[in-house]
Amino acid sequence: MRKVVTALLAASALVTLAACGGNSDSGSGGSTEKVTLKFQSLAFQKTTVAATKKIVADWNAANPNIQVEYVQGSWDSVHDQLVTQFQGGTAPDIIHDESADITGFINQGYLADLSPYLSQATKDAVPQGVWDTVSSDGKVYAAPTLLQSYVVFANSAALKQAGISTSKELTWDDLAANAKKLTAGSKYGLGWGLKSPTATVLNLGMNFDGKFFDGTGRDAKAVIGDAELEVPKRIHAMAYTDKSIDPTSLTQSGSDVLPGFYAGKYAMVVGGNYAAQQIVAEAPKGFQWEVLPPLKGTSAKQAANPQTLSVPEESKNVKQAAQFIDYFMKAENLAAVGQGDWLIPTTQAARDAILTTTGGKDGWQQTLASGAELTKAPFQSVENYPKWKDQIATPALQEYLANKTDLSALGKKLNDGWGQVNS
């Protein structure tokens, strides 16, 4: 892993000066006055921190009048920290966060519109559906950098022994049939860590055109119909009708089910694509695994919640900060941080760079493919979604997946609960 990322960063260094050599004076409008920008990064993996710091160092070497100071932040405290910083006027010039978190800051006017400053090359490189997650009223408030998806990890030997091919697309019907075929004795075809089920259910609900909400902000209405209930219904059927999902796994986290995967208790598990890093680090020597094609219902769509880079509205150096963000968005840079975090870059050029460097091994080929249909989901525009998720959806889904209520009752709780938290 480290050798691969090092090689990618070395390649990046060859193009750095050519990529940003023309920016030395343009960031200050031709002035020789030196500007220092604080960049609060949330990178935490050693490889990603190293990749990010190298991007900063290369930029600084080529842009003496626009210097970037790396500041280490934390995902655990970033929201509260930003609230305090915005209120006190001390927010960093370049903010690392995610689209789901910055929506409130956009609505409150804390973030600058980057539309006039980002290059056309950056705008063209990212799909519109991903730009939509960081946009409002035609304005762009952040650059989306990295994405995650939900994928199926499988024990290659178990699939081969059962005669299951993984070369074609993977429909939900295929998943159910394969899980049933792989279930025998005390071994289950599928383990699924759904201790916190809401994000997974709503993301994969887009496979069946599930909306869950219609409208935006506080005016949004709950939409809970057949499409929205399709994913929990299918999971429940596999657990309690086919008995191909271990019900106990539904009460565990994604990390909790992985030891059972290594031990052969589960032939397949579903989780965030980043779990590949944990599998590589923990799986016993000789354990053969793979990532299956993206799950597909009527489509393979999933919700996009990208990591983001944004700039405070009050910043005096929005143009210069946007120039650095443009540089960060270059394919070789996104590929380096994406590979370090085992996440999917938002641009195809960066994905291609990772595919070339890794050869598609360790699940990268299918993981990168799973990012092709990530787009904005309706619930991402709903102001009180976090409250509904925590207070209503999560306990209701947990109860249903524990087989303590039926599908009709689940739908009613999800619908009525929205009225309770959004009144």
Protein backbone atom coordinates (compact mmCIF):
# COMPACT_ATOMS: atom_id res chain seq x y z
CA MET A 1 0.00 0.00 0.00
CA ARG A 2 2.69 2.51 1.01
CA LYS A 3 4.84 1.60 -2.01
CA VAL A 4 1.89 2.20 -4.32
CA VAL A 5 1.02 5.59 -2.84
CA THR A 6 4.70 6.61 -2.82
CA ALA A 7 4.95 5.78 -6.50
CA LEU A 8 1.86 7.82 -7.25
CA LEU A 9 3.19 10.80 -5.30
CA ALA A 10 6.52 10.54 -7.07
CA ALA A 11 4.72 10.72 -10.40
CA SER A 12 2.81 13.72 -9.11
CA ALA A 13 6.04 15.56 -8.36
CA LEU A 14 7.08 15.37 -12.03
CA VAL A 15 4.09 17.45 -13.12
CA THR A 16 3.82 19.80 -10.15
CA LEU A 17 5.85 22.72 -11.45
CA ALA A 18 4.25 22.58 -14.88
CA ALA A 19 0.80 22.31 -13.33
CA CYS A 20 1.00 25.40 -11.16
CA GLY A 21 4.00 27.38 -12.34
CA GLY A 22 1.83 30.09 -13.83
CA ASN A 23 0.03 30.85 -10.56
CA SER A 24 2.82 32.63 -8.70
CA ASP A 25 1.53 36.15 -9.23
CA SER A 26 -2.00 35.67 -10.53
CA GLY A 27 -3.37 34.83 -7.07
CA SER A 28 -2.53 38.33 -5.85
CA GLY A 29 -3.77 40.03 -8.98
CA GLY A 30 -0.19 40.60 -10.12
CA SER A 31 0.93 41.93 -6.73
CA THR A 32 4.09 40.68 -5.08
CA GLU A 33 2.45 40.87 -1.66
CA LYS A 34 2.66 37.51 0.09
CA VAL A 35 -0.57 35.81 1.21
CA THR A 36 -0.70 32.97 3.74
CA LEU A 37 -3.75 30.69 3.73
CA LYS A 38 -4.66 28.34 6.56
CA PHE A 39 -5.84 24.93 5.33
CA GLN A 40 -7.63 22.88 7.98
CA SER A 41 -7.33 19.26 6.82
CA LEU A 42 -9.23 16.32 8.30
CA ALA A 43 -6.94 13.68 6.77
CA PHE A 44 -6.10 11.08 9.43
CA GLN A 45 -4.66 8.02 7.69
CA LYS A 46 -0.84 8.23 7.66
CA THR A 47 -0.78 7.79 3.90
CA THR A 48 -3.41 10.48 3.34
CA VAL A 49 -1.78 12.96 5.71
CA ALA A 50 1.49 12.43 3.85
CA ALA A 51 -0.20 12.86 0.48
CA THR A 52 -1.99 16.03 1.61
CA LYS A 53 1.13 17.56 3.11
CA LYS A 54 3.01 16.84 -0.11
CA ILE A 55 0.32 18.63 -2.13
CA VAL A 56 0.74 21.64 0.19
CA ALA A 57 4.55 21.52 -0.02
CA ASP A 58 4.55 21.28 -3.82
CA TRP A 59 2.11 24.17 -4.06
CA ASN A 60 4.20 26.33 -1.73
CA ALA A 61 7.39 25.60 -3.67
CA ALA A 62 5.77 26.81 -6.90
CA ASN A 63 3.77 29.72 -5.44
CA PRO A 64 5.99 31.87 -3.18
CA ASN A 65 3.38 34.64 -2.97
CA ILE A 66 0.49 32.35 -2.00
CA GLN A 67 1.63 30.13 0.84
CA VAL A 68 -0.58 27.46 2.41
CA GLU A 69 -0.24 26.53 6.08
CA TYR A 70 -1.37 22.99 6.91
CA VAL A 71 -3.52 22.79 10.08
CA GLN A 72 -4.63 19.40 11.42
CA GLY A 73 -8.33 19.05 12.21
CA SER A 74 -10.50 16.09 13.26
CA TRP A 75 -13.69 14.58 11.87
CA ASP A 76 -14.89 14.01 15.43
CA SER A 77 -15.08 17.72 16.27
CA VAL A 78 -15.15 19.55 12.96
CA HIS A 79 -18.81 20.65 13.06
CA ASP A 80 -18.69 22.20 16.52
CA GLN A 81 -15.28 23.68 15.80
CA LEU A 82 -16.52 25.34 12.61
CA VAL A 83 -19.58 26.74 14.39
CA THR A 84 -17.27 28.40 16.91
CA GLN A 85 -14.84 29.58 14.23
CA PHE A 86 -17.56 31.07 12.02
CA GLN A 87 -19.13 32.89 14.95
CA GLY A 88 -15.76 34.20 16.11
CA GLY A 89 -14.46 35.11 12.66
CA THR A 90 -11.52 32.69 12.94
CA ALA A 91 -12.42 30.06 10.34
CA PRO A 92 -9.49 28.78 8.23
CA ASP A 93 -9.19 30.02 4.65
CA ILE A 94 -9.65 26.50 3.25
CA ILE A 95 -12.09 24.18 5.04
CA HIS A 96 -12.10 20.39 4.72
CA ASP A 97 -15.50 18.87 5.54
CA GLU A 98 -18.31 16.92 3.80
CA SER A 99 -21.37 18.01 1.86
CA ALA A 100 -23.86 16.75 4.45
CA ASP A 101 -22.26 18.97 7.10
CA ILE A 102 -21.75 22.17 5.10
CA THR A 103 -25.39 22.39 3.95
CA GLY A 104 -26.34 24.24 7.15
CA PHE A 105 -23.35 26.56 6.83
CA ILE A 106 -24.35 27.36 3.26
CA ASN A 107 -27.89 28.23 4.37
CA GLN A 108 -26.50 30.47 7.10
CA GLY A 109 -24.30 32.38 4.64
CA TYR A 110 -20.96 31.32 6.08
CA LEU A 111 -19.43 29.94 2.87
CA ALA A 112 -18.24 31.81 -0.22
CA ASP A 113 -19.56 31.20 -3.71
CA LEU A 114 -16.64 29.63 -5.60
CA SER A 115 -18.35 29.69 -9.01
CA PRO A 116 -16.38 32.69 -10.34
CA TYR A 117 -13.04 31.30 -9.19
CA LEU A 118 -12.86 27.58 -9.90
CA SER A 119 -11.42 26.72 -13.30
CA GLN A 120 -13.54 25.33 -16.09
CA ALA A 121 -11.32 22.25 -16.10
CA THR A 122 -12.31 21.53 -12.48
CA LYS A 123 -15.98 22.18 -13.19
CA ASP A 124 -15.93 19.84 -16.20
CA ALA A 125 -14.10 17.04 -14.38
CA VAL A 126 -16.77 16.42 -11.73
CA PRO A 127 -20.22 15.02 -12.69
CA GLN A 128 -23.14 17.42 -12.28
CA GLY A 129 -24.89 15.09 -9.84
CA VAL A 130 -21.94 15.46 -7.48
CA TRP A 131 -21.72 19.23 -7.97
CA ASP A 132 -25.38 19.36 -6.97
CA THR A 133 -24.45 18.20 -3.46
CA VAL A 134 -22.43 21.38 -2.88
CA SER A 135 -24.57 23.84 -4.82
CA SER A 136 -27.56 26.06 -4.04
CA ASP A 137 -29.45 28.51 -6.24
CA GLY A 138 -26.91 28.12 -9.03
CA LYS A 139 -23.92 28.87 -6.81
CA VAL A 140 -21.13 26.44 -5.89
CA TYR A 141 -19.97 26.54 -2.27
CA ALA A 142 -17.32 23.82 -2.24
CA ALA A 143 -15.25 21.53 -4.41
CA PRO A 144 -16.17 17.84 -3.93
CA THR A 145 -13.09 15.65 -3.58
CA LEU A 146 -13.69 12.07 -2.38
CA LEU A 147 -16.70 9.74 -2.22
CA GLN A 148 -17.70 6.47 -0.60
CA SER A 149 -20.13 3.81 -1.77
CA TYR A 150 -21.69 0.65 -0.33
CA VAL A 151 -20.30 -2.51 -1.89
CA VAL A 152 -20.46 -6.29 -1.47
CA PHE A 153 -17.26 -8.00 -0.35
CA ALA A 154 -17.07 -11.73 -1.09
CA ASN A 155 -14.93 -14.74 -0.19
CA SER A 156 -13.56 -15.72 -3.60
CA ALA A 157 -13.04 -19.38 -2.68
CA ALA A 158 -16.61 -19.73 -1.39
CA LEU A 159 -18.01 -18.23 -4.61
CA LYS A 160 -15.90 -20.53 -6.76
CA GLN A 161 -16.89 -23.61 -4.76
CA ALA A 162 -20.58 -22.69 -5.17
CA GLY A 163 -20.15 -22.05 -8.89
CA ILE A 164 -21.16 -18.39 -8.61
CA SER A 165 -19.87 -16.08 -11.34
CA THR A 166 -19.05 -12.47 -10.46
CA SER A 167 -18.28 -11.14 -13.92
CA LYS A 168 -21.75 -9.77 -14.67
CA GLU A 169 -23.78 -7.08 -12.95
CA LEU A 170 -25.11 -7.77 -9.47
CA THR A 171 -28.84 -7.24 -9.01
CA TRP A 172 -30.60 -7.45 -5.67
CA ASP A 173 -32.21 -10.66 -6.90
CA ASP A 174 -28.73 -12.03 -7.63
CA LEU A 175 -27.57 -11.06 -4.15
CA ALA A 176 -30.50 -12.87 -2.53
CA ALA A 177 -30.05 -15.98 -4.68
CA ASN A 178 -26.30 -16.10 -4.07
CA ALA A 179 -26.71 -15.58 -0.32
CA LYS A 180 -29.21 -18.43 -0.15
CA LYS A 181 -26.93 -20.71 -2.16
CA LEU A 182 -23.99 -19.92 0.10
CA THR A 183 -25.91 -20.61 3.32
CA ALA A 184 -25.39 -24.02 4.91
CA GLY A 185 -25.29 -25.26 8.49
CA SER A 186 -23.83 -22.57 10.75
CA LYS A 187 -22.48 -20.59 7.80
CA TYR A 188 -24.44 -17.71 6.32
CA GLY A 189 -24.31 -16.37 2.81
CA LEU A 190 -24.32 -12.81 4.06
CA GLY A 191 -23.33 -10.80 7.12
CA TRP A 192 -24.47 -7.19 7.20
CA GLY A 193 -23.46 -4.76 9.92
CA LEU A 194 -26.54 -2.55 10.25
CA LYS A 195 -26.28 -1.28 13.80
CA SER A 196 -26.81 2.22 12.36
CA PRO A 197 -29.02 1.37 9.37
CA THR A 198 -30.45 4.68 8.14
CA ALA A 199 -27.62 5.92 5.92
CA THR A 200 -27.28 2.50 4.27
CA VAL A 201 -31.02 2.09 3.67
CA LEU A 202 -31.49 5.58 2.26
CA ASN A 203 -28.37 5.42 0.10
CA LEU A 204 -29.20 2.03 -1.39
CA GLY A 205 -32.87 3.01 -1.59
CA MET A 206 -31.88 5.03 -4.64
CA ASN A 207 -31.34 1.67 -6.38
CA PHE A 208 -35.15 1.52 -6.51
CA ASP A 209 -35.77 5.25 -7.05
CA GLY A 210 -36.58 5.72 -3.37
CA LYS A 211 -36.94 9.41 -2.48
CA PHE A 212 -38.00 9.47 1.20
CA PHE A 213 -38.55 13.24 0.88
CA ASP A 214 -40.09 15.64 -1.57
CA GLY A 215 -39.07 19.29 -1.42
CA THR A 216 -36.29 21.08 0.42
CA GLY A 217 -35.51 22.73 3.72
CA ARG A 218 -38.22 22.72 6.37
CA ASP A 219 -40.94 22.57 3.71
CA ALA A 220 -40.00 19.04 2.65
CA LYS A 221 -42.66 16.33 2.91
CA ALA A 222 -41.98 12.71 3.81
CA VAL A 223 -42.47 10.23 0.97
CA ILE A 224 -42.62 6.65 2.25
CA GLY A 225 -43.98 4.19 -0.28
CA ASP A 226 -43.07 0.87 -1.89
CA ALA A 227 -39.84 2.21 -3.40
CA GLU A 228 -38.64 3.58 -0.07
CA LEU A 229 -39.40 0.33 1.77
CA GLU A 230 -37.89 -1.97 -0.85
CA VAL A 231 -34.40 -2.20 0.65
CA PRO A 232 -35.44 -2.93 4.26
CA LYS A 233 -38.04 -5.40 2.94
CA ARG A 234 -35.39 -7.31 0.99
CA ILE A 235 -32.93 -7.37 3.87
CA HIS A 236 -35.66 -8.59 6.23
CA ALA A 237 -36.67 -11.34 3.80
CA MET A 238 -33.09 -12.60 3.51
CA ALA A 239 -32.73 -12.63 7.30
CA TYR A 240 -36.05 -14.18 8.33
CA THR A 241 -37.50 -15.95 5.26
CA ASP A 242 -34.44 -17.20 3.36
CA LYS A 243 -32.38 -17.17 6.58
CA SER A 244 -29.32 -16.33 4.51
CA ILE A 245 -28.38 -13.26 6.59
CA ASP A 246 -27.24 -13.78 10.15
CA PRO A 247 -29.79 -11.73 12.19
CA THR A 248 -27.15 -11.08 14.83
CA SER A 249 -25.00 -9.28 12.27
CA LEU A 250 -27.82 -6.77 11.74
CA THR A 251 -27.18 -5.49 15.28
CA GLN A 252 -23.43 -5.09 14.73
CA SER A 253 -21.27 -2.44 13.10
CA GLY A 254 -19.61 -2.88 9.74
CA SER A 255 -16.27 -3.55 11.42
CA ASP A 256 -17.79 -6.05 13.84
CA VAL A 257 -18.82 -8.46 11.06
CA LEU A 258 -15.41 -8.63 9.38
CA PRO A 259 -13.87 -11.26 11.71
CA GLY A 260 -16.77 -13.56 10.78
CA PHE A 261 -15.99 -12.88 7.13
CA TYR A 262 -12.34 -13.90 7.58
CA ALA A 263 -13.34 -17.01 9.56
CA GLY A 264 -15.74 -18.26 6.88
CA LYS A 265 -18.91 -17.64 8.91
CA TYR A 266 -20.07 -15.21 6.21
CA ALA A 267 -19.38 -15.78 2.53
CA MET A 268 -20.24 -12.14 1.78
CA VAL A 269 -20.55 -8.88 3.72
CA VAL A 270 -21.90 -5.47 2.73
CA GLY A 271 -20.19 -2.29 3.86
CA GLY A 272 -18.59 1.00 2.92
CA ASN A 273 -15.95 0.56 0.24
CA TYR A 274 -13.28 1.91 2.62
CA ALA A 275 -13.55 -1.36 4.60
CA ALA A 276 -11.19 -2.78 1.97
CA GLN A 277 -8.34 -1.14 3.84
CA GLN A 278 -9.27 -2.99 7.04
CA ILE A 279 -9.59 -6.27 5.15
CA VAL A 280 -6.14 -5.85 3.61
CA ALA A 281 -4.65 -5.12 7.03
CA GLU A 282 -6.47 -7.78 9.07
CA ALA A 283 -7.38 -10.74 6.85
CA PRO A 284 -5.36 -13.93 7.41
CA LYS A 285 -2.58 -14.69 4.97
CA GLY A 286 -3.96 -16.50 1.94
CA PHE A 287 -7.52 -15.22 2.43
CA GLN A 288 -8.86 -14.47 -1.04
CA TRP A 289 -11.58 -11.86 -1.38
CA GLU A 290 -13.06 -9.52 -3.96
CA VAL A 291 -15.49 -6.66 -4.40
CA LEU A 292 -18.55 -7.56 -6.46
CA PRO A 293 -20.13 -5.29 -9.11
CA PRO A 294 -22.28 -2.41 -7.78
CA LEU A 295 -25.68 -3.48 -6.46
CA LYS A 296 -28.45 -2.71 -8.93
CA GLY A 297 -32.23 -2.44 -8.64
CA THR A 298 -33.89 -0.33 -11.32
CA SER A 299 -30.49 1.44 -11.36
CA ALA A 300 -27.16 1.36 -9.54
CA LYS A 301 -27.57 4.88 -8.14
CA GLN A 302 -26.44 5.71 -4.63
CA ALA A 303 -26.34 8.97 -2.71
CA ALA A 304 -23.19 11.04 -2.99
CA ASN A 305 -21.88 12.67 0.19
CA PRO A 306 -18.44 13.86 -0.89
CA GLN A 307 -15.68 15.28 1.19
CA THR A 308 -15.38 18.96 0.36
CA LEU A 309 -13.05 21.94 0.27
CA SER A 310 -14.70 25.32 0.84
CA VAL A 311 -13.83 28.92 1.74
CA PRO A 312 -15.42 31.23 4.35
CA GLU A 313 -17.54 34.05 2.96
CA GLU A 314 -15.62 36.51 5.15
CA SER A 315 -12.21 35.47 3.78
CA LYS A 316 -10.19 38.27 2.14
CA ASN A 317 -8.44 35.72 -0.06
CA VAL A 318 -11.25 33.74 -1.71
CA LYS A 319 -9.59 33.89 -5.14
CA GLN A 320 -6.24 32.62 -3.87
CA ALA A 321 -7.88 29.88 -1.80
CA ALA A 322 -9.85 28.76 -4.85
CA GLN A 323 -6.61 28.57 -6.84
CA PHE A 324 -5.17 26.15 -4.29
CA ILE A 325 -8.42 24.14 -4.34
CA ASP A 326 -8.12 23.97 -8.14
CA TYR A 327 -4.63 22.57 -7.71
CA PHE A 328 -5.81 20.06 -5.09
CA MET A 329 -8.45 18.87 -7.60
CA LYS A 330 -5.84 17.87 -10.21
CA ALA A 331 -6.06 14.17 -11.07
CA GLU A 332 -2.70 13.15 -9.61
CA ASN A 333 -3.47 14.90 -6.31
CA LEU A 334 -6.99 13.51 -5.90
CA ALA A 335 -5.66 10.06 -6.79
CA ALA A 336 -3.02 10.27 -4.06
CA VAL A 337 -5.43 11.27 -1.28
CA GLY A 338 -8.15 8.92 -2.57
CA GLN A 339 -5.86 5.93 -2.57
CA GLY A 340 -4.51 6.83 0.85
CA ASP A 341 -8.05 6.93 2.29
CA TRP A 342 -9.37 4.05 0.16
CA LEU A 343 -12.07 6.39 -1.15
CA ILE A 344 -13.31 7.23 -4.64
CA PRO A 345 -12.10 10.45 -6.30
CA THR A 346 -14.84 12.60 -7.78
CA THR A 347 -13.12 12.88 -11.17
CA GLN A 348 -12.73 10.15 -13.74
CA ALA A 349 -9.12 11.12 -14.45
CA ALA A 350 -8.19 10.55 -10.80
CA ARG A 351 -10.04 7.22 -10.76
CA ASP A 352 -8.17 6.16 -13.88
CA ALA A 353 -4.88 7.10 -12.18
CA ILE A 354 -5.67 4.86 -9.19
CA LEU A 355 -6.77 2.02 -11.46
CA THR A 356 -3.50 2.25 -13.40
CA THR A 357 -1.37 2.40 -10.25
CA THR A 358 -3.13 -0.45 -8.42
CA GLY A 359 -3.94 -2.59 -11.42
CA GLY A 360 -7.44 -2.88 -9.96
CA LYS A 361 -6.23 -5.16 -7.16
CA ASP A 362 -7.60 -5.23 -3.60
CA GLY A 363 -11.09 -4.49 -4.90
CA TRP A 364 -10.17 -1.21 -6.54
CA GLN A 365 -11.63 -2.01 -9.97
CA GLN A 366 -15.18 -2.59 -8.73
CA THR A 367 -14.88 0.04 -5.99
CA LEU A 368 -14.04 2.72 -8.54
CA ALA A 369 -16.86 1.48 -10.78
CA SER A 370 -19.29 1.88 -7.90
CA GLY A 371 -18.69 5.63 -7.94
CA ALA A 372 -20.02 6.07 -11.45
CA GLU A 373 -23.67 6.62 -10.46
CA LEU A 374 -23.29 8.51 -7.20
CA THR A 375 -25.52 11.58 -7.21
CA LYS A 376 -27.41 13.94 -4.92
CA ALA A 377 -30.27 12.35 -2.99
CA PRO A 378 -33.51 14.18 -2.05
CA PHE A 379 -32.84 13.81 1.69
CA GLN A 380 -29.63 15.83 1.32
CA SER A 381 -31.69 19.01 0.84
CA VAL A 382 -33.84 18.47 3.94
CA GLU A 383 -33.00 20.70 6.89
CA ASN A 384 -34.24 18.44 9.70
CA TYR A 385 -33.03 15.19 8.15
CA PRO A 386 -30.33 14.63 10.83
CA LYS A 387 -32.95 14.90 13.60
CA TRP A 388 -35.34 12.54 11.75
CA LYS A 389 -32.50 10.10 11.14
CA ASP A 390 -31.43 9.93 14.79
CA GLN A 391 -34.79 10.17 16.55
CA ILE A 392 -37.12 8.38 14.14
CA ALA A 393 -35.56 6.39 11.30
CA THR A 394 -32.74 4.63 13.12
CA PRO A 395 -34.83 3.18 15.99
CA ALA A 396 -37.69 2.31 13.61
CA LEU A 397 -35.38 0.47 11.20
CA GLN A 398 -33.59 -1.29 14.06
CA GLU A 399 -36.91 -2.54 15.36
CA TYR A 400 -37.99 -3.79 11.93
CA LEU A 401 -34.65 -5.48 11.22
CA ALA A 402 -34.90 -7.20 14.61
CA ASN A 403 -38.22 -8.67 13.41
CA LYS A 404 -40.18 -6.87 16.14
CA THR A 405 -42.56 -5.02 13.82
CA ASP A 406 -43.88 -5.31 10.27
CA LEU A 407 -43.27 -3.35 7.08
CA SER A 408 -46.51 -1.39 7.30
CA ALA A 409 -45.70 -0.22 10.83
CA LEU A 410 -42.21 0.76 9.72
CA GLY A 411 -43.60 2.91 6.92
CA LYS A 412 -46.04 4.63 9.29
CA LYS A 413 -43.33 5.40 11.83
CA LEU A 414 -41.04 6.87 9.18
CA ASN A 415 -43.83 9.03 7.76
CA ASP A 416 -45.45 10.16 11.01
CA GLY A 417 -42.08 10.72 12.64
CA TRP A 418 -41.21 13.38 10.11
CA GLY A 419 -44.20 15.43 11.26
CA GLN A 420 -43.00 15.10 14.86
CA VAL A 421 -39.46 16.37 14.29
CA ASN A 422 -40.30 18.98 11.63
CA SER A 423 -43.25 20.69 13.33
